[in-house]
PDB file of N, CA and C in Angstrom:
ATOM      1  N   MET A   1      32.905  45.311  -7.163  1.00  0.00           N
ATOM      2  CA  MET A   1      32.613  43.839  -6.048  1.00  0.00           C
ATOM      3  C   MET A   1      33.106  42.783  -5.948  1.00  0.00           C
ATOM      4  N   SER A   2      33.058  42.376  -7.155  1.00  0.00           N
ATOM      5  CA  SER A   2      34.283  41.300  -7.920  1.00  0.00           C
ATOM      6  C   SER A   2      35.415  41.631  -7.047  1.00  0.00           C
ATOM      7  N   ASP A   3      36.481  42.569  -7.254  1.00  0.00           N
ATOM      8  CA  ASP A   3      37.471  43.261  -6.746  1.00  0.00           C
ATOM      9  C   ASP A   3      37.817  42.544  -5.183  1.00  0.00           C
ATOM     10  N   ALA A   4      36.070  43.114  -4.457  1.00  0.00           N
ATOM     11  CA  ALA A   4      36.285  42.683  -2.946  1.00  0.00           C
ATOM     12  C   ALA A   4      36.298  41.567  -2.888  1.00  0.00           C
ATOM     13  N   THR A   5      35.586  40.799  -3.455  1.00  0.00           N
ATOM     14  CA  THR A   5      35.640  39.881  -3.079  1.00  0.00           C
ATOM     15  C   THR A   5      36.766  39.018  -3.378  1.00  0.00           C
ATOM     16  N   ASP A   6      37.604  38.794  -4.183  1.00  0.00           N
ATOM     17  CA  ASP A   6      38.703  38.113  -4.864  1.00  0.00           C
ATOM     18  C   ASP A   6      39.778  38.419  -3.741  1.00  0.00           C
ATOM     19  N   ASN A   7      39.452  40.186  -2.997  1.00  0.00           N
ATOM     20  CA  ASN A   7      40.913  40.605  -2.039  1.00  0.00           C
ATOM     21  C   ASN A   7      40.251  39.570  -0.637  1.00  0.00           C
ATOM     22  N   ALA A   8      39.406  39.296  -0.844  1.00  0.00           N
ATOM     23  CA  ALA A   8      38.761  38.767   0.727  1.00  0.00           C
ATOM     24  C   ALA A   8      38.859  37.222   0.944  1.00  0.00           C
ATOM     25  N   THR A   9      38.618  36.496  -0.621  1.00  0.00           N
ATOM     26  CA  THR A   9      39.005  35.314  -0.638  1.00  0.00           C
ATOM     27  C   THR A   9      40.771  35.323  -0.779  1.00  0.00           C
ATOM     28  N   GLU A  10      41.391  36.092  -0.946  1.00  0.00           N
ATOM     29  CA  GLU A  10      42.679  35.969  -0.971  1.00  0.00           C
ATOM     30  C   GLU A  10      43.472  36.085   0.124  1.00  0.00           C
ATOM     31  N   VAL A  11      42.961  37.084   1.203  1.00  0.00           N
ATOM     32  CA  VAL A  11      42.769  37.568   2.585  1.00  0.00           C
ATOM     33  C   VAL A  11      42.868  36.310   3.397  1.00  0.00           C
ATOM     34  N   GLU A  12      41.439  35.853   3.672  1.00  0.00           N
ATOM     35  CA  GLU A  12      41.236  34.295   4.257  1.00  0.00           C
ATOM     36  C   GLU A  12      42.365  33.348   3.453  1.00  0.00           C
ATOM     37  N   ARG A  13      42.786  33.097   2.113  1.00  0.00           N
ATOM     38  CA  ARG A  13      43.546  31.896   2.232  1.00  0.00           C
ATOM     39  C   ARG A  13      45.283  32.247   2.657  1.00  0.00           C
ATOM     40  N   LEU A  14      45.262  33.351   2.257  1.00  0.00           N
ATOM     41  CA  LEU A  14      46.691  33.734   3.011  1.00  0.00           C
ATOM     42  C   LEU A  14      46.431  33.443   4.762  1.00  0.00           C
ATOM     43  N   ARG A  15      45.723  33.789   5.267  1.00  0.00           N
ATOM     44  CA  ARG A  15      45.485  33.620   6.539  1.00  0.00           C
ATOM     45  C   ARG A  15      45.888  32.035   7.190  1.00  0.00           C
ATOM     46  N   ARG A  16      44.427  31.534   6.122  1.00  0.00           N
ATOM     47  CA  ARG A  16      45.027  30.225   6.440  1.00  0.00           C
ATOM     48  C   ARG A  16      46.702  29.257   6.241  1.00  0.00           C
ATOM     49  N   ARG A  17      46.967  29.748   4.987  1.00  0.00           N
ATOM     50  CA  ARG A  17      48.377  29.453   5.128  1.00  0.00           C
ATOM     51  C   ARG A  17      49.042  30.083   6.241  1.00  0.00           C
ATOM     52  N   VAL A  18      48.913  31.145   6.516  1.00  0.00           N
ATOM     53  CA  VAL A  18      49.680  31.537   7.835  1.00  0.00           C
ATOM     54  C   VAL A  18      49.506  30.733   9.195  1.00  0.00           C
ATOM     55  N   ALA A  19      47.789  30.318   9.622  1.00  0.00           N
ATOM     56  CA  ALA A  19      47.809  29.229  10.726  1.00  0.00           C
ATOM     57  C   ALA A  19      48.536  27.757  10.233  1.00  0.00           C
ATOM     58  N   GLU A  20      48.327  27.745   8.817  1.00  0.00           N
ATOM     59  CA  GLU A  20      49.213  26.198   8.876  1.00  0.00           C
ATOM     60  C   GLU A  20      50.779  26.522   8.944  1.00  0.00           C
ATOM     61  N   LEU A  21      51.221  27.029   8.742  1.00  0.00           N
ATOM     62  CA  LEU A  21      52.928  27.683   8.821  1.00  0.00           C
ATOM     63  C   LEU A  21      53.114  27.526  10.296  1.00  0.00           C
ATOM     64  N   GLU A  22      52.346  27.974  11.086  1.00  0.00           N
ATOM     65  CA  GLU A  22      52.681  28.686  12.265  1.00  0.00           C
ATOM     66  C   GLU A  22      52.232  27.339  13.569  1.00  0.00           C
ATOM     67  N   ALA A  23      51.181  26.529  13.006  1.00  0.00           N
ATOM     68  CA  ALA A  23      51.619  25.383  13.720  1.00  0.00           C
ATOM     69  C   ALA A  23      52.351  24.406  12.852  1.00  0.00           C
ATOM     70  N   GLN A  24      53.265  24.322  11.776  1.00  0.00           N
ATOM     71  CA  GLN A  24      54.666  23.351  11.600  1.00  0.00           C
ATOM     72  C   GLN A  24      55.284  24.106  12.370  1.00  0.00           C
ATOM     73  N   LEU A  25      55.874  25.900  12.416  1.00  0.00           N
ATOM     74  CA  LEU A  25      56.644  25.711  13.343  1.00  0.00           C
ATOM     75  C   LEU A  25      56.783  25.470  15.016  1.00  0.00           C
ATOM     76  N   GLU A  26      55.196  25.357  15.350  1.00  0.00           N
ATOM     77  CA  GLU A  26      55.699  24.896  17.132  1.00  0.00           C
ATOM     78  C   GLU A  26      55.594  23.580  16.534  1.00  0.00           C
ATOM     79  N   GLN A  27      55.355  22.645  15.886  1.00  0.00           N
ATOM     80  CA  GLN A  27      55.802  21.153  16.072  1.00  0.00           C
ATOM     81  C   GLN A  27      56.793  21.203  15.713  1.00  0.00           C
ATOM     82  N   GLN A  28      57.763  22.157  14.925  1.00  0.00           N
ATOM     83  CA  GLN A  28      59.665  21.964  14.491  1.00  0.00           C
ATOM     84  C   GLN A  28      59.971  22.555  15.914  1.00  0.00           C
ATOM     85  N   SER A  29      59.645  23.189  16.560  1.00  0.00           N
ATOM     86  CA  SER A  29      60.065  23.826  18.121  1.00  0.00           C
ATOM     87  C   SER A  29      59.910  22.673  19.110  1.00  0.00           C
ATOM     88  N   ARG A  30      58.707  22.287  19.023  1.00  0.00           N
ATOM     89  CA  ARG A  30      58.450  20.898  20.390  1.00  0.00           C
ATOM     90  C   ARG A  30      59.239  19.747  19.866  1.00  0.00           C
ATOM     91  N   ALA A  31      59.617  19.388  18.878  1.00  0.00           N
ATOM     92  CA  ALA A  31      60.652  18.685  18.501  1.00  0.00           C
ATOM     93  C   ALA A  31      62.373  18.908  18.300  1.00  0.00           C
ATOM     94  N   THR A  32      62.517  20.304  18.008  1.00  0.00           N
ATOM     95  CA  THR A  32      63.644  20.793  18.946  1.00  0.00           C
ATOM     96  C   THR A  32      63.717  20.742  19.801  1.00  0.00           C
ATOM     97  N   ASN A  33      63.030  21.498  21.181  1.00  0.00           N
ATOM     98  CA  ASN A  33      63.078  21.256  22.210  1.00  0.00           C
ATOM     99  C   ASN A  33      63.747  19.427  23.045  1.00  0.00           C
ATOM    100  N   ALA A  34      62.838  19.110  22.012  1.00  0.00           N
ATOM    101  CA  ALA A  34      62.715  17.423  22.978  1.00  0.00           C
ATOM    102  C   ALA A  34      64.575  16.824  22.548  1.00  0.00           C
ATOM    103  N   ILE A  35      64.573  17.444  21.040  1.00  0.00           N
ATOM    104  CA  ILE A  35      66.536  17.001  20.784  1.00  0.00           C
ATOM    105  C   ILE A  35      67.494  17.657  21.481  1.00  0.00           C
ATOM    106  N   VAL A  36      67.175  19.268  22.104  1.00  0.00           N
ATOM    107  CA  VAL A  36      68.047  19.626  22.836  1.00  0.00           C
ATOM    108  C   VAL A  36      67.694  19.101  24.065  1.00  0.00           C
ATOM    109  N   ALA A  37      66.754  19.064  24.809  1.00  0.00           N
ATOM    110  CA  ALA A  37      66.548  18.290  25.721  1.00  0.00           C
ATOM    111  C   ALA A  37      67.278  16.770  26.337  1.00  0.00           C
ATOM    112  N   ARG A  38      66.902  15.835  25.126  1.00  0.00           N
ATOM    113  CA  ARG A  38      67.754  14.733  25.593  1.00  0.00           C
ATOM    114  C   ARG A  38      69.733  14.962  25.495  1.00  0.00           C
ATOM    115  N   SER A  39      69.667  16.006  24.635  1.00  0.00           N
ATOM    116  CA  SER A  39      71.145  15.959  24.235  1.00  0.00           C
ATOM    117  C   SER A  39      72.039  16.417  25.845  1.00  0.00           C
ATOM    118  N   GLN A  40      71.369  17.474  26.382  1.00  0.00           N
ATOM    119  CA  GLN A  40      71.878  18.222  27.329  1.00  0.00           C
ATOM    120  C   GLN A  40      71.695  16.706  28.616  1.00  0.00           C
ATOM    121  N   GLU A  41      71.126  15.831  28.625  1.00  0.00           N
ATOM    122  CA  GLU A  41      70.810  14.959  29.758  1.00  0.00           C
ATOM    123  C   GLU A  41      72.029  14.142  29.280  1.00  0.00           C
ATOM    124  N   LYS A  42      72.564  13.864  28.264  1.00  0.00           N
ATOM    125  CA  LYS A  42      73.691  12.772  27.657  1.00  0.00           C
ATOM    126  C   LYS A  42      75.079  13.581  28.000  1.00  0.00           C
ATOM    127  N   LEU A  43      74.489  15.055  27.865  1.00  0.00           N
ATOM    128  CA  LEU A  43      75.925  15.690  28.190  1.00  0.00           C
ATOM    129  C   LEU A  43      76.055  15.587  29.985  1.00  0.00           C
ATOM    130  N   TYR A  44      75.192  16.211  30.672  1.00  0.00           N
ATOM    131  CA  TYR A  44      75.615  16.333  31.924  1.00  0.00           C
ATOM    132  C   TYR A  44      76.056  14.711  32.584  1.00  0.00           C
ATOM    133  N   TRP A  45      75.233  13.870  31.729  1.00  0.00           N
ATOM    134  CA  TRP A  45      75.985  12.763  32.350  1.00  0.00           C
ATOM    135  C   TRP A  45      77.776  11.817  32.253  1.00  0.00           C
ATOM    136  N   LEU A  46      77.821  12.365  30.971  1.00  0.00           N
ATOM    137  CA  LEU A  46      79.039  12.664  30.292  1.00  0.00           C
ATOM    138  C   LEU A  46      80.041  13.213  31.175  1.00  0.00           C
ATOM    139  N   GLU A  47      79.499  14.780  31.181  1.00  0.00           N
ATOM    140  CA  GLU A  47      79.993  15.417  32.402  1.00  0.00           C
ATOM    141  C   GLU A  47      80.493  15.033  33.703  1.00  0.00           C
ATOM    142  N   ARG A  48      79.386  14.705  34.139  1.00  0.00           N
ATOM    143  CA  ARG A  48      79.215  13.862  34.957  1.00  0.00           C
ATOM    144  C   ARG A  48      80.394  12.866  36.002  1.00  0.00           C
ATOM    145  N   TRP A  49      80.467  11.864  34.791  1.00  0.00           N
ATOM    146  CA  TRP A  49      81.324  10.921  34.693  1.00  0.00           C
ATOM    147  C   TRP A  49      82.757  11.125  33.974  1.00  0.00           C
ATOM    148  N   GLN A  50      82.902  12.709  33.907  1.00  0.00           N
ATOM    149  CA  GLN A  50      84.299  12.917  33.220  1.00  0.00           C
ATOM    150  C   GLN A  50      84.458  12.255  31.848  1.00  0.00           C
ATOM    151  N   ILE A  51      84.215  11.816  31.371  1.00  0.00           N
ATOM    152  CA  ILE A  51      84.389  10.968  30.252  1.00  0.00           C
ATOM    153  C   ILE A  51      84.700  12.099  28.816  1.00  0.00           C
ATOM    154  N   ASP A  52      85.407  12.217  28.588  1.00  0.00           N
ATOM    155  CA  ASP A  52      86.016  12.923  27.205  1.00  0.00           C
ATOM    156  C   ASP A  52      85.049  12.087  25.366  1.00  0.00           C
ATOM    157  N   ILE A  53      84.170  11.961  25.435  1.00  0.00           N
ATOM    158  CA  ILE A  53      83.737  11.390  24.615  1.00  0.00           C
ATOM    159  C   ILE A  53      84.770  11.488  23.117  1.00  0.00           C
ATOM    160  N   GLU A  54      85.153  12.785  22.694  1.00  0.00           N
ATOM    161  CA  GLU A  54      85.822  12.682  21.357  1.00  0.00           C
ATOM    162  C   GLU A  54      87.082  12.139  21.758  1.00  0.00           C
ATOM    163  N   ARG A  55      87.506  11.795  23.123  1.00  0.00           N
ATOM    164  CA  ARG A  55      89.005  11.171  23.019  1.00  0.00           C
ATOM    165  C   ARG A  55      89.447  10.001  23.164  1.00  0.00           C
ATOM    166  N   VAL A  56      87.722   9.348  23.747  1.00  0.00           N
ATOM    167  CA  VAL A  56      87.522   7.843  23.841  1.00  0.00           C
ATOM    168  C   VAL A  56      87.069   7.396  22.008  1.00  0.00           C
ATOM    169  N   MET A  57      86.296   7.971  21.528  1.00  0.00           N
ATOM    170  CA  MET A  57      85.580   7.371  20.163  1.00  0.00           C
ATOM    171  C   MET A  57      86.951   8.162  19.038  1.00  0.00           C
ATOM    172  N   GLY A  58      88.049   8.342  19.482  1.00  0.00           N
ATOM    173  CA  GLY A  58      89.559   8.628  18.801  1.00  0.00           C
ATOM    174  C   GLY A  58      89.990   7.513  18.253  1.00  0.00           C
ATOM    175  N   ARG A  59      89.926   6.459  19.171  1.00  0.00           N
ATOM    176  CA  ARG A  59      90.190   5.063  19.477  1.00  0.00           C
ATOM    177  C   ARG A  59      90.082   4.295  18.800  1.00  0.00           C
ATOM    178  N   ARG A  60      90.792   3.471  17.867  1.00  0.00           N
ATOM    179  CA  ARG A  60      90.098   2.227  16.911  1.00  0.00           C
ATOM    180  C   ARG A  60      89.780   1.675  18.224  1.00  0.00           C
ATOM    181  N   SER A  61      90.103   1.297  18.639  1.00  0.00           N
ATOM    182  CA  SER A  61      88.982   0.295  19.555  1.00  0.00           C
ATOM    183  C   SER A  61      87.742   0.608  19.913  1.00  0.00           C
ATOM    184  N   ALA A  62      87.195   1.866  20.107  1.00  0.00           N
ATOM    185  CA  ALA A  62      86.459   2.799  20.033  1.00  0.00           C
ATOM    186  C   ALA A  62      85.333   1.900  19.027  1.00  0.00           C
ATOM    187  N   GLN A  63      86.494   2.740  18.386  1.00  0.00           N
ATOM    188  CA  GLN A  63      85.117   2.736  16.739  1.00  0.00           C
ATOM    189  C   GLN A  63      84.795   1.155  16.399  1.00  0.00           C
ATOM    190  N   VAL A  64      85.103   0.006  16.810  1.00  0.00           N
ATOM    191  CA  VAL A  64      85.386  -1.068  16.423  1.00  0.00           C
ATOM    192  C   VAL A  64      84.381  -1.689  17.156  1.00  0.00           C
ATOM    193  N   ALA A  65      84.299  -1.241  18.702  1.00  0.00           N
ATOM    194  CA  ALA A  65      83.365  -1.725  19.516  1.00  0.00           C
ATOM    195  C   ALA A  65      81.920  -0.708  19.066  1.00  0.00           C
ATOM    196  N   LEU A  66      82.133   0.550  18.826  1.00  0.00           N
ATOM    197  CA  LEU A  66      80.549   0.622  18.318  1.00  0.00           C
ATOM    198  C   LEU A  66      80.016  -0.044  17.275  1.00  0.00           C
ATOM    199  N   GLU A  67      81.087   0.425  16.098  1.00  0.00           N
ATOM    200  CA  GLU A  67      80.605  -0.712  14.787  1.00  0.00           C
ATOM    201  C   GLU A  67      80.073  -2.037  15.466  1.00  0.00           C
ATOM    202  N   ALA A  68      80.489  -3.188  16.317  1.00  0.00           N
ATOM    203  CA  ALA A  68      80.186  -4.015  16.781  1.00  0.00           C
ATOM    204  C   ALA A  68      78.557  -3.948  17.230  1.00  0.00           C
ATOM    205  N   VAL A  69      78.041  -3.166  18.841  1.00  0.00           N
ATOM    206  CA  VAL A  69      77.236  -2.658  18.576  1.00  0.00           C
ATOM    207  C   VAL A  69      76.102  -2.417  17.888  1.00  0.00           C
ATOM    208  N   LYS A  70      76.472  -1.581  17.084  1.00  0.00           N
ATOM    209  CA  LYS A  70      75.480  -1.170  16.119  1.00  0.00           C
ATOM    210  C   LYS A  70      75.008  -2.036  15.229  1.00  0.00           C
ATOM    211  N   ARG A  71      76.119  -3.294  14.709  1.00  0.00           N
ATOM    212  CA  ARG A  71      75.608  -4.675  14.093  1.00  0.00           C
ATOM    213  C   ARG A  71      74.177  -5.541  15.058  1.00  0.00           C
ATOM    214  N   VAL A  72      74.606  -5.373  16.114  1.00  0.00           N
ATOM    215  CA  VAL A  72      73.999  -6.666  17.636  1.00  0.00           C
ATOM    216  C   VAL A  72      72.806  -5.473  16.882  1.00  0.00           C
ATOM    217  N   ARG A  73      72.488  -4.386  17.300  1.00  0.00           N
ATOM    218  CA  ARG A  73      71.639  -3.739  17.565  1.00  0.00           C
ATOM    219  C   ARG A  73      70.625  -3.737  16.301  1.00  0.00           C
ATOM    220  N   GLY A  74      71.082  -4.169  15.085  1.00  0.00           N
ATOM    221  CA  GLY A  74      70.247  -3.857  14.245  1.00  0.00           C
ATOM    222  C   GLY A  74      69.607  -5.528  13.993  1.00  0.00           C
ATOM    223  N   VAL A  75      70.388  -6.978  14.354  1.00  0.00           N
ATOM    224  CA  VAL A  75      70.180  -8.292  14.870  1.00  0.00           C
ATOM    225  C   VAL A  75      68.963  -7.943  15.604  1.00  0.00           C
ATOM    226  N   VAL A  76      69.121  -7.220  17.132  1.00  0.00           N
ATOM    227  CA  VAL A  76      68.041  -7.024  17.512  1.00  0.00           C
ATOM    228  C   VAL A  76      66.864  -6.332  17.216  1.00  0.00           C
ATOM    229  N   TRP A  77      66.805  -5.640  15.772  1.00  0.00           N
ATOM    230  CA  TRP A  77      65.817  -4.881  15.928  1.00  0.00           C
ATOM    231  C   TRP A  77      65.352  -5.765  14.993  1.00  0.00           C
ATOM    232  N   ALA A  78      65.685  -6.568  14.027  1.00  0.00           N
ATOM    233  CA  ALA A  78      65.331  -7.601  13.093  1.00  0.00           C
ATOM    234  C   ALA A  78      64.679  -8.814  13.629  1.00  0.00           C
ATOM    235  N   LEU A  79      65.306  -8.931  14.668  1.00  0.00           N
ATOM    236  CA  LEU A  79      64.194 -10.454  15.217  1.00  0.00           C
ATOM    237  C   LEU A  79      63.007  -9.492  16.024  1.00  0.00           C
ATOM    238  N   LYS A  80      63.257  -8.386  16.141  1.00  0.00           N
ATOM    239  CA  LYS A  80      61.561  -7.474  17.048  1.00  0.00           C
ATOM    240  C   LYS A  80      60.240  -7.203  15.833  1.00  0.00           C
ATOM    241  N   ARG A  81      61.083  -7.171  15.068  1.00  0.00           N
ATOM    242  CA  ARG A  81      60.221  -6.840  13.982  1.00  0.00           C
ATOM    243  C   ARG A  81      59.804  -8.290  13.492  1.00  0.00           C
ATOM    244  N   ALA A  82      60.198  -9.318  13.262  1.00  0.00           N
ATOM    245  CA  ALA A  82      59.852 -10.272  12.576  1.00  0.00           C
ATOM    246  C   ALA A  82      58.873 -11.124  13.766  1.00  0.00           C
ATOM    247  N   ARG A  83      59.241 -10.740  15.069  1.00  0.00           N
ATOM    248  CA  ARG A  83      58.579 -11.224  16.048  1.00  0.00           C
ATOM    249  C   ARG A  83      57.490 -10.601  15.841  1.00  0.00           C
ATOM    250  N   ARG A  84      57.730  -9.826  15.736  1.00  0.00           N
ATOM    251  CA  ARG A  84      55.851  -8.778  15.793  1.00  0.00           C
ATOM    252  C   ARG A  84      54.823  -9.245  14.390  1.00  0.00           C
ATOM    253  N   LYS A  85      56.004  -9.354  13.150  1.00  0.00           N
ATOM    254  CA  LYS A  85      55.168  -9.775  12.192  1.00  0.00           C
ATOM    255  C   LYS A  85      54.787 -10.912  12.678  1.00  0.00           C
ATOM    256  N   VAL A  86      55.002 -12.436  13.286  1.00  0.00           N
ATOM    257  CA  VAL A  86      54.431 -13.619  13.256  1.00  0.00           C
ATOM    258  C   VAL A  86      53.471 -13.168  14.345  1.00  0.00           C
ATOM    259  N   ALA A  87      53.472 -12.511  15.545  1.00  0.00           N
ATOM    260  CA  ALA A  87      52.629 -12.607  16.189  1.00  0.00           C
ATOM    261  C   ALA A  87      50.877 -11.559  15.371  1.00  0.00           C
ATOM    262  N   GLN A  88      51.481 -10.742  14.908  1.00  0.00           N
ATOM    263  CA  GLN A  88      49.996 -10.426  14.158  1.00  0.00           C
ATOM    264  C   GLN A  88      49.615 -11.420  13.148  1.00  0.00           C
ATOM    265  N   ARG A  89      50.393 -12.072  12.541  1.00  0.00           N
ATOM    266  CA  ARG A  89      49.594 -13.089  11.630  1.00  0.00           C
ATOM    267  C   ARG A  89      48.297 -14.161  12.353  1.00  0.00           C
ATOM    268  N   ARG A  90      48.613 -14.145  13.747  1.00  0.00           N
ATOM    269  CA  ARG A  90      48.322 -15.310  14.523  1.00  0.00           C
ATOM    270  C   ARG A  90      46.789 -14.879  14.709  1.00  0.00           C
TER     271      ARG A  90
END
């Protein structure tokens, strides 16, 4: 009887693990689909405006401009975080 109980317990544990893995797979699938959708939308607009992003980003001036935008964005985000912290303290 003990072997049957052990087997039933093991089967139940494996079923729970399979359910957990299926839930993780579903979540990962939703996240992947969202990323693909955003990428497709970006690609649509690049193609519609006939922009060759590889050619544009191949230029030194584009790389410098991108770095500047990243730095400005970092400053803006830091300011927003600081403002939220100040608002939370009130």
